[in-house]
Amino acid sequence: MTLPSKRRPKSRAPPKILATTARVLSAQLKASRFMKPFFELASHTGRSEHKHFKATLVQGDQMMLGVNCLEPGQVQRVHSHVDQDKFYYVVEGEGRFTVGTEVGILGPGTVIWAPAGIDHGVENAGTSRLTVFMGMAPPPS
């Protein structure tokens, strides 16, 4: 008669390995300039008298996300990024967006796509702040 063998519990990583993994993950988060995993967009908006307000929310090796705020009359002049795709998402307000030869007066809920190498820009022609969530890939150097 054979006695049943005791099952060994699955081994867990030793504390030293866990500590090393935690340090590596922490370094990766710092290297990607990652603020927090969750945040309110509204808490990163702002105002600038002379030029539109810009704030980087997250920037990693592959992508950058930010928020731009334009007061009435402020402009992000038409420009292009040779190697970077860009999108805008209108959060509040209304703006005159230019992408290539297309121009549109666009408001909340609209996504604007500007592929790499295509001229794009925005002007706040409205009477209240224009806030746009934006992203670029790859991020600027």
N, C-alpha and C. Protein backbone atom coordinates (compact mmCIF):
# COMPACT_ATOMS: atom_id res chain seq x y z
N MET A 1 0.84 -1.16 0.00
CA MET A 1 0.00 0.00 0.00
C MET A 1 0.89 1.24 0.00
N THR A 2 0.53 2.19 -0.88
CA THR A 2 1.31 3.42 -1.00
C THR A 2 0.58 4.54 -0.29
N LEU A 3 1.33 5.26 0.51
CA LEU A 3 0.74 6.39 1.21
C LEU A 3 0.70 7.59 0.27
N PRO A 4 -0.36 8.36 0.34
CA PRO A 4 -0.41 9.55 -0.53
C PRO A 4 0.70 10.52 -0.14
N SER A 5 1.33 11.09 -1.17
CA SER A 5 2.40 12.05 -0.89
C SER A 5 1.81 13.42 -0.64
N LYS A 6 2.48 14.16 0.20
CA LYS A 6 2.04 15.51 0.47
C LYS A 6 2.39 16.37 -0.75
N ARG A 7 1.42 17.15 -1.18
CA ARG A 7 1.70 18.05 -2.30
C ARG A 7 2.45 19.27 -1.79
N ARG A 8 3.48 19.60 -2.51
CA ARG A 8 4.24 20.80 -2.14
C ARG A 8 3.51 22.01 -2.69
N PRO A 9 3.41 23.03 -1.89
CA PRO A 9 2.77 24.25 -2.41
C PRO A 9 3.62 24.83 -3.54
N LYS A 10 2.93 25.49 -4.48
CA LYS A 10 3.67 26.12 -5.57
C LYS A 10 4.64 27.13 -4.97
N SER A 11 5.84 27.12 -5.51
CA SER A 11 6.83 28.04 -4.96
C SER A 11 6.51 29.47 -5.38
N ARG A 12 6.79 30.36 -4.53
CA ARG A 12 6.61 31.78 -4.82
C ARG A 12 7.98 32.39 -5.00
N ALA A 13 8.01 33.50 -5.73
CA ALA A 13 9.29 34.16 -5.96
C ALA A 13 9.87 34.61 -4.63
N PRO A 14 11.17 34.42 -4.47
CA PRO A 14 11.81 34.88 -3.23
C PRO A 14 11.68 36.40 -3.09
N PRO A 15 11.68 36.90 -1.86
CA PRO A 15 11.54 38.34 -1.63
C PRO A 15 12.55 39.17 -2.42
N LYS A 16 13.77 38.67 -2.58
CA LYS A 16 14.79 39.43 -3.30
C LYS A 16 14.36 39.68 -4.75
N ILE A 17 13.77 38.67 -5.40
CA ILE A 17 13.31 38.82 -6.77
C ILE A 17 12.13 39.79 -6.83
N LEU A 18 11.22 39.70 -5.88
CA LEU A 18 10.09 40.61 -5.84
C LEU A 18 10.55 42.06 -5.68
N ALA A 19 11.52 42.28 -4.81
CA ALA A 19 12.05 43.63 -4.60
C ALA A 19 12.72 44.15 -5.86
N THR A 20 13.46 43.29 -6.56
CA THR A 20 14.11 43.70 -7.80
C THR A 20 13.07 44.05 -8.86
N THR A 21 12.03 43.23 -8.97
CA THR A 21 10.95 43.50 -9.93
C THR A 21 10.28 44.83 -9.62
N ALA A 22 10.02 45.11 -8.36
CA ALA A 22 9.41 46.38 -7.96
C ALA A 22 10.30 47.56 -8.34
N ARG A 23 11.63 47.42 -8.14
CA ARG A 23 12.55 48.50 -8.51
C ARG A 23 12.55 48.72 -10.02
N VAL A 24 12.54 47.64 -10.79
CA VAL A 24 12.54 47.76 -12.26
C VAL A 24 11.26 48.45 -12.72
N LEU A 25 10.10 48.03 -12.20
CA LEU A 25 8.84 48.66 -12.59
C LEU A 25 8.82 50.13 -12.20
N SER A 26 9.31 50.45 -11.04
CA SER A 26 9.37 51.83 -10.60
C SER A 26 10.24 52.66 -11.54
N ALA A 27 11.38 52.11 -11.94
CA ALA A 27 12.28 52.81 -12.87
C ALA A 27 11.61 53.00 -14.22
N GLN A 28 10.85 52.01 -14.69
CA GLN A 28 10.16 52.13 -15.97
C GLN A 28 9.10 53.22 -15.91
N LEU A 29 8.38 53.30 -14.81
CA LEU A 29 7.38 54.35 -14.67
C LEU A 29 8.03 55.73 -14.68
N LYS A 30 9.15 55.88 -13.96
CA LYS A 30 9.85 57.16 -13.94
C LYS A 30 10.41 57.49 -15.32
N ALA A 31 10.95 56.50 -16.00
CA ALA A 31 11.55 56.71 -17.31
C ALA A 31 10.50 57.15 -18.33
N SER A 32 9.27 56.68 -18.18
CA SER A 32 8.23 57.06 -19.13
C SER A 32 7.55 58.37 -18.73
N ARG A 33 8.01 59.00 -17.66
CA ARG A 33 7.43 60.25 -17.17
C ARG A 33 5.93 60.10 -16.99
N PHE A 34 5.54 58.97 -16.41
CA PHE A 34 4.14 58.63 -16.19
C PHE A 34 3.71 59.27 -14.89
N MET A 35 2.72 60.16 -14.95
CA MET A 35 2.30 60.86 -13.75
C MET A 35 1.57 59.92 -12.79
N LYS A 36 0.44 59.43 -13.20
CA LYS A 36 -0.38 58.52 -12.41
C LYS A 36 -1.13 57.65 -13.39
N PRO A 37 -1.64 56.51 -12.95
CA PRO A 37 -2.41 55.71 -13.89
C PRO A 37 -3.80 56.29 -14.16
N PHE A 38 -4.31 57.14 -13.27
CA PHE A 38 -5.63 57.75 -13.45
C PHE A 38 -5.53 59.22 -13.05
N PHE A 39 -6.18 60.08 -13.83
CA PHE A 39 -6.20 61.49 -13.45
C PHE A 39 -7.34 62.19 -14.17
N GLU A 40 -7.76 63.31 -13.63
CA GLU A 40 -8.82 64.12 -14.21
C GLU A 40 -8.20 65.12 -15.17
N LEU A 41 -8.67 65.13 -16.40
CA LEU A 41 -8.15 66.05 -17.40
C LEU A 41 -8.29 67.50 -16.95
N ALA A 42 -9.44 67.82 -16.36
CA ALA A 42 -9.72 69.20 -15.95
C ALA A 42 -8.70 69.74 -14.96
N SER A 43 -8.07 68.86 -14.17
CA SER A 43 -7.09 69.34 -13.19
C SER A 43 -5.75 69.70 -13.83
N HIS A 44 -5.63 69.49 -15.15
CA HIS A 44 -4.38 69.82 -15.86
C HIS A 44 -4.57 70.90 -16.91
N THR A 45 -5.72 71.56 -16.89
CA THR A 45 -5.95 72.66 -17.82
C THR A 45 -5.41 73.95 -17.23
N GLY A 46 -5.26 74.96 -18.07
CA GLY A 46 -4.73 76.22 -17.59
C GLY A 46 -4.93 77.33 -18.59
N ARG A 47 -4.32 78.46 -18.27
CA ARG A 47 -4.48 79.66 -19.08
C ARG A 47 -3.13 80.34 -19.24
N SER A 48 -2.90 80.87 -20.42
CA SER A 48 -1.70 81.66 -20.68
C SER A 48 -2.14 82.90 -21.45
N GLU A 49 -1.67 84.05 -21.03
CA GLU A 49 -2.09 85.31 -21.65
C GLU A 49 -1.61 85.45 -23.09
N HIS A 50 -0.34 85.11 -23.35
CA HIS A 50 0.28 85.43 -24.63
C HIS A 50 0.25 84.30 -25.64
N LYS A 51 0.14 83.07 -25.18
CA LYS A 51 0.21 81.91 -26.07
C LYS A 51 -0.71 80.84 -25.50
N HIS A 52 -1.18 79.93 -26.34
CA HIS A 52 -2.06 78.89 -25.82
C HIS A 52 -1.33 78.05 -24.76
N PHE A 53 -2.11 77.53 -23.83
CA PHE A 53 -1.59 76.73 -22.71
C PHE A 53 -1.44 75.28 -23.16
N LYS A 54 -0.30 74.67 -22.82
CA LYS A 54 -0.06 73.26 -23.12
C LYS A 54 0.47 72.56 -21.89
N ALA A 55 -0.01 71.33 -21.64
CA ALA A 55 0.49 70.53 -20.54
C ALA A 55 0.63 69.09 -21.02
N THR A 56 1.79 68.49 -20.78
CA THR A 56 2.00 67.08 -21.09
C THR A 56 1.46 66.26 -19.94
N LEU A 57 0.58 65.32 -20.25
CA LEU A 57 0.00 64.45 -19.23
C LEU A 57 0.83 63.21 -19.03
N VAL A 58 1.23 62.58 -20.15
CA VAL A 58 2.01 61.34 -20.13
C VAL A 58 2.93 61.36 -21.33
N GLN A 59 4.18 60.97 -21.13
CA GLN A 59 5.07 60.80 -22.27
C GLN A 59 5.93 59.57 -22.04
N GLY A 60 5.82 58.64 -22.96
CA GLY A 60 6.61 57.43 -22.93
C GLY A 60 7.47 57.34 -24.17
N ASP A 61 8.03 56.18 -24.42
CA ASP A 61 8.87 55.99 -25.59
C ASP A 61 8.05 55.95 -26.88
N GLN A 62 6.78 55.58 -26.80
CA GLN A 62 5.97 55.37 -28.00
C GLN A 62 4.91 56.45 -28.26
N MET A 63 4.52 57.20 -27.21
CA MET A 63 3.41 58.12 -27.37
C MET A 63 3.46 59.21 -26.31
N MET A 64 2.87 60.35 -26.64
CA MET A 64 2.73 61.46 -25.70
C MET A 64 1.26 61.89 -25.72
N LEU A 65 0.70 62.15 -24.54
CA LEU A 65 -0.65 62.67 -24.42
C LEU A 65 -0.60 63.99 -23.68
N GLY A 66 -1.44 64.93 -24.10
CA GLY A 66 -1.43 66.23 -23.46
C GLY A 66 -2.76 66.93 -23.57
N VAL A 67 -2.82 68.12 -23.03
CA VAL A 67 -4.01 68.96 -23.11
C VAL A 67 -3.56 70.35 -23.56
N ASN A 68 -4.32 70.92 -24.49
CA ASN A 68 -4.07 72.28 -24.96
C ASN A 68 -5.31 73.11 -24.67
N CYS A 69 -5.10 74.33 -24.18
CA CYS A 69 -6.21 75.25 -23.90
C CYS A 69 -5.95 76.54 -24.65
N LEU A 70 -6.91 76.96 -25.44
CA LEU A 70 -6.80 78.21 -26.20
C LEU A 70 -7.93 79.13 -25.77
N GLU A 71 -7.57 80.32 -25.35
CA GLU A 71 -8.56 81.32 -25.01
C GLU A 71 -9.06 81.95 -26.31
N PRO A 72 -10.22 82.63 -26.28
CA PRO A 72 -10.73 83.23 -27.51
C PRO A 72 -9.66 84.07 -28.22
N GLY A 73 -9.51 83.83 -29.52
CA GLY A 73 -8.54 84.55 -30.34
C GLY A 73 -7.16 83.92 -30.39
N GLN A 74 -6.85 82.99 -29.50
CA GLN A 74 -5.53 82.36 -29.53
C GLN A 74 -5.45 81.31 -30.64
N VAL A 75 -4.22 81.13 -31.15
CA VAL A 75 -4.00 80.27 -32.31
C VAL A 75 -2.82 79.34 -32.06
N GLN A 76 -2.95 78.10 -32.49
CA GLN A 76 -1.79 77.22 -32.65
C GLN A 76 -1.58 77.22 -34.16
N ARG A 77 -0.55 77.93 -34.59
CA ARG A 77 -0.37 78.14 -36.03
C ARG A 77 -0.23 76.82 -36.77
N VAL A 78 -0.53 76.87 -38.04
CA VAL A 78 -0.43 75.68 -38.89
C VAL A 78 1.03 75.24 -38.95
N HIS A 79 1.23 73.95 -38.72
CA HIS A 79 2.57 73.36 -38.69
C HIS A 79 2.43 71.88 -39.03
N SER A 80 3.54 71.18 -39.12
CA SER A 80 3.48 69.73 -39.35
C SER A 80 4.58 69.05 -38.56
N HIS A 81 4.44 67.75 -38.43
CA HIS A 81 5.44 66.91 -37.78
C HIS A 81 5.82 65.84 -38.79
N VAL A 82 7.06 65.83 -39.19
CA VAL A 82 7.52 64.94 -40.26
C VAL A 82 7.25 63.48 -39.95
N ASP A 83 7.56 63.05 -38.73
CA ASP A 83 7.48 61.63 -38.38
C ASP A 83 6.46 61.31 -37.30
N GLN A 84 5.53 62.22 -37.03
CA GLN A 84 4.61 62.00 -35.92
C GLN A 84 3.16 62.17 -36.35
N ASP A 85 2.33 61.19 -36.04
CA ASP A 85 0.89 61.32 -36.20
C ASP A 85 0.35 62.06 -34.97
N LYS A 86 -0.74 62.80 -35.17
CA LYS A 86 -1.30 63.57 -34.06
C LYS A 86 -2.82 63.52 -34.13
N PHE A 87 -3.45 63.48 -32.95
CA PHE A 87 -4.90 63.63 -32.90
C PHE A 87 -5.26 64.69 -31.87
N TYR A 88 -6.39 65.30 -32.09
CA TYR A 88 -7.01 66.20 -31.12
C TYR A 88 -8.40 65.64 -30.83
N TYR A 89 -8.85 65.80 -29.59
CA TYR A 89 -10.23 65.49 -29.21
C TYR A 89 -10.77 66.73 -28.51
N VAL A 90 -11.82 67.32 -29.06
CA VAL A 90 -12.37 68.55 -28.49
C VAL A 90 -13.17 68.20 -27.24
N VAL A 91 -12.72 68.75 -26.12
CA VAL A 91 -13.37 68.52 -24.83
C VAL A 91 -14.43 69.59 -24.57
N GLU A 92 -14.05 70.86 -24.80
CA GLU A 92 -15.00 71.96 -24.61
C GLU A 92 -14.63 73.10 -25.54
N GLY A 93 -15.62 73.91 -25.86
CA GLY A 93 -15.39 75.06 -26.73
C GLY A 93 -15.54 74.68 -28.20
N GLU A 94 -15.14 75.63 -29.04
CA GLU A 94 -15.26 75.44 -30.48
C GLU A 94 -14.04 76.04 -31.15
N GLY A 95 -13.50 75.34 -32.13
CA GLY A 95 -12.31 75.83 -32.80
C GLY A 95 -12.37 75.65 -34.30
N ARG A 96 -11.56 76.46 -34.99
CA ARG A 96 -11.39 76.32 -36.43
C ARG A 96 -10.14 75.48 -36.64
N PHE A 97 -10.33 74.23 -37.04
CA PHE A 97 -9.23 73.29 -37.23
C PHE A 97 -8.87 73.20 -38.70
N THR A 98 -7.58 73.18 -38.96
CA THR A 98 -7.07 73.00 -40.32
C THR A 98 -6.25 71.72 -40.34
N VAL A 99 -6.53 70.85 -41.30
CA VAL A 99 -5.73 69.65 -41.54
C VAL A 99 -5.57 69.55 -43.06
N GLY A 100 -4.33 69.76 -43.54
CA GLY A 100 -4.11 69.80 -44.98
C GLY A 100 -4.91 70.93 -45.58
N THR A 101 -5.76 70.62 -46.56
CA THR A 101 -6.58 71.65 -47.20
C THR A 101 -7.99 71.72 -46.59
N GLU A 102 -8.27 70.86 -45.63
CA GLU A 102 -9.59 70.82 -44.99
C GLU A 102 -9.63 71.79 -43.81
N VAL A 103 -10.74 72.51 -43.66
CA VAL A 103 -10.95 73.42 -42.54
C VAL A 103 -12.35 73.15 -41.99
N GLY A 104 -12.46 73.05 -40.68
CA GLY A 104 -13.77 72.83 -40.07
C GLY A 104 -13.90 73.56 -38.75
N ILE A 105 -15.09 74.08 -38.48
CA ILE A 105 -15.43 74.64 -37.18
C ILE A 105 -16.00 73.47 -36.39
N LEU A 106 -15.29 73.05 -35.34
CA LEU A 106 -15.62 71.80 -34.66
C LEU A 106 -15.76 72.01 -33.17
N GLY A 107 -16.64 71.22 -32.55
CA GLY A 107 -16.92 71.36 -31.13
C GLY A 107 -16.75 70.07 -30.37
N PRO A 108 -17.25 70.05 -29.12
CA PRO A 108 -17.06 68.92 -28.21
C PRO A 108 -17.45 67.58 -28.83
N GLY A 109 -16.61 66.59 -28.55
CA GLY A 109 -16.85 65.24 -29.02
C GLY A 109 -16.23 64.92 -30.37
N THR A 110 -15.62 65.91 -31.00
CA THR A 110 -15.04 65.71 -32.33
C THR A 110 -13.59 65.28 -32.22
N VAL A 111 -13.20 64.30 -33.06
CA VAL A 111 -11.81 63.86 -33.15
C VAL A 111 -11.23 64.42 -34.45
N ILE A 112 -10.04 64.99 -34.35
CA ILE A 112 -9.33 65.53 -35.50
C ILE A 112 -8.06 64.73 -35.67
N TRP A 113 -7.79 64.23 -36.88
CA TRP A 113 -6.63 63.37 -37.16
C TRP A 113 -5.70 64.06 -38.14
N ALA A 114 -4.42 64.20 -37.75
CA ALA A 114 -3.41 64.81 -38.62
C ALA A 114 -2.25 63.82 -38.77
N PRO A 115 -2.22 63.09 -39.89
CA PRO A 115 -1.12 62.14 -40.12
C PRO A 115 0.23 62.86 -40.23
N ALA A 116 1.29 62.12 -40.00
CA ALA A 116 2.65 62.67 -40.10
C ALA A 116 2.82 63.37 -41.45
N GLY A 117 3.47 64.54 -41.41
CA GLY A 117 3.79 65.28 -42.62
C GLY A 117 2.68 66.17 -43.14
N ILE A 118 1.49 66.14 -42.54
CA ILE A 118 0.37 66.95 -42.99
C ILE A 118 0.24 68.19 -42.12
N ASP A 119 0.13 69.36 -42.76
CA ASP A 119 -0.05 70.62 -42.02
C ASP A 119 -1.34 70.57 -41.21
N HIS A 120 -1.28 71.12 -39.99
CA HIS A 120 -2.45 71.18 -39.13
C HIS A 120 -2.30 72.33 -38.14
N GLY A 121 -3.42 72.83 -37.66
CA GLY A 121 -3.41 73.91 -36.68
C GLY A 121 -4.82 74.15 -36.19
N VAL A 122 -4.94 75.04 -35.20
CA VAL A 122 -6.26 75.33 -34.62
C VAL A 122 -6.29 76.78 -34.14
N GLU A 123 -7.47 77.36 -34.28
CA GLU A 123 -7.71 78.73 -33.79
C GLU A 123 -9.00 78.71 -32.99
N ASN A 124 -8.98 79.37 -31.83
CA ASN A 124 -10.20 79.52 -31.06
C ASN A 124 -10.91 80.76 -31.57
N ALA A 125 -11.91 80.55 -32.40
CA ALA A 125 -12.68 81.65 -32.95
C ALA A 125 -13.96 81.88 -32.15
N GLY A 126 -14.11 81.13 -31.05
CA GLY A 126 -15.31 81.23 -30.22
C GLY A 126 -15.19 82.29 -29.15
N THR A 127 -16.12 82.24 -28.19
CA THR A 127 -16.17 83.23 -27.11
C THR A 127 -15.80 82.64 -25.76
N SER A 128 -15.48 81.34 -25.74
CA SER A 128 -15.08 80.69 -24.49
C SER A 128 -13.84 79.85 -24.75
N ARG A 129 -13.25 79.35 -23.69
CA ARG A 129 -12.03 78.54 -23.80
C ARG A 129 -12.27 77.30 -24.66
N LEU A 130 -11.28 76.97 -25.49
CA LEU A 130 -11.25 75.74 -26.27
C LEU A 130 -10.26 74.81 -25.59
N THR A 131 -10.72 73.64 -25.16
CA THR A 131 -9.85 72.65 -24.53
C THR A 131 -9.83 71.41 -25.39
N VAL A 132 -8.62 70.97 -25.76
CA VAL A 132 -8.47 69.77 -26.57
C VAL A 132 -7.50 68.81 -25.90
N PHE A 133 -7.89 67.55 -25.89
CA PHE A 133 -7.02 66.45 -25.46
C PHE A 133 -6.28 66.04 -26.73
N MET A 134 -4.97 65.87 -26.65
CA MET A 134 -4.21 65.55 -27.85
C MET A 134 -3.20 64.44 -27.59
N GLY A 135 -2.80 63.79 -28.68
CA GLY A 135 -1.80 62.75 -28.59
C GLY A 135 -0.91 62.76 -29.81
N MET A 136 0.35 62.36 -29.61
CA MET A 136 1.31 62.27 -30.70
C MET A 136 2.07 60.96 -30.58
N ALA A 137 2.31 60.34 -31.74
CA ALA A 137 3.09 59.11 -31.74
C ALA A 137 3.98 59.09 -32.98
N PRO A 138 5.25 58.84 -32.81
CA PRO A 138 5.97 58.78 -31.54
C PRO A 138 6.03 60.17 -30.91
N PRO A 139 6.42 60.25 -29.63
CA PRO A 139 6.45 61.54 -28.95
C PRO A 139 7.58 62.43 -29.47
N PRO A 140 7.46 63.74 -29.23
CA PRO A 140 8.55 64.63 -29.62
C PRO A 140 9.80 64.31 -28.80
N SER A 141 10.93 64.57 -29.39
CA SER A 141 12.21 64.29 -28.69
C SER A 141 12.51 65.35 -27.68
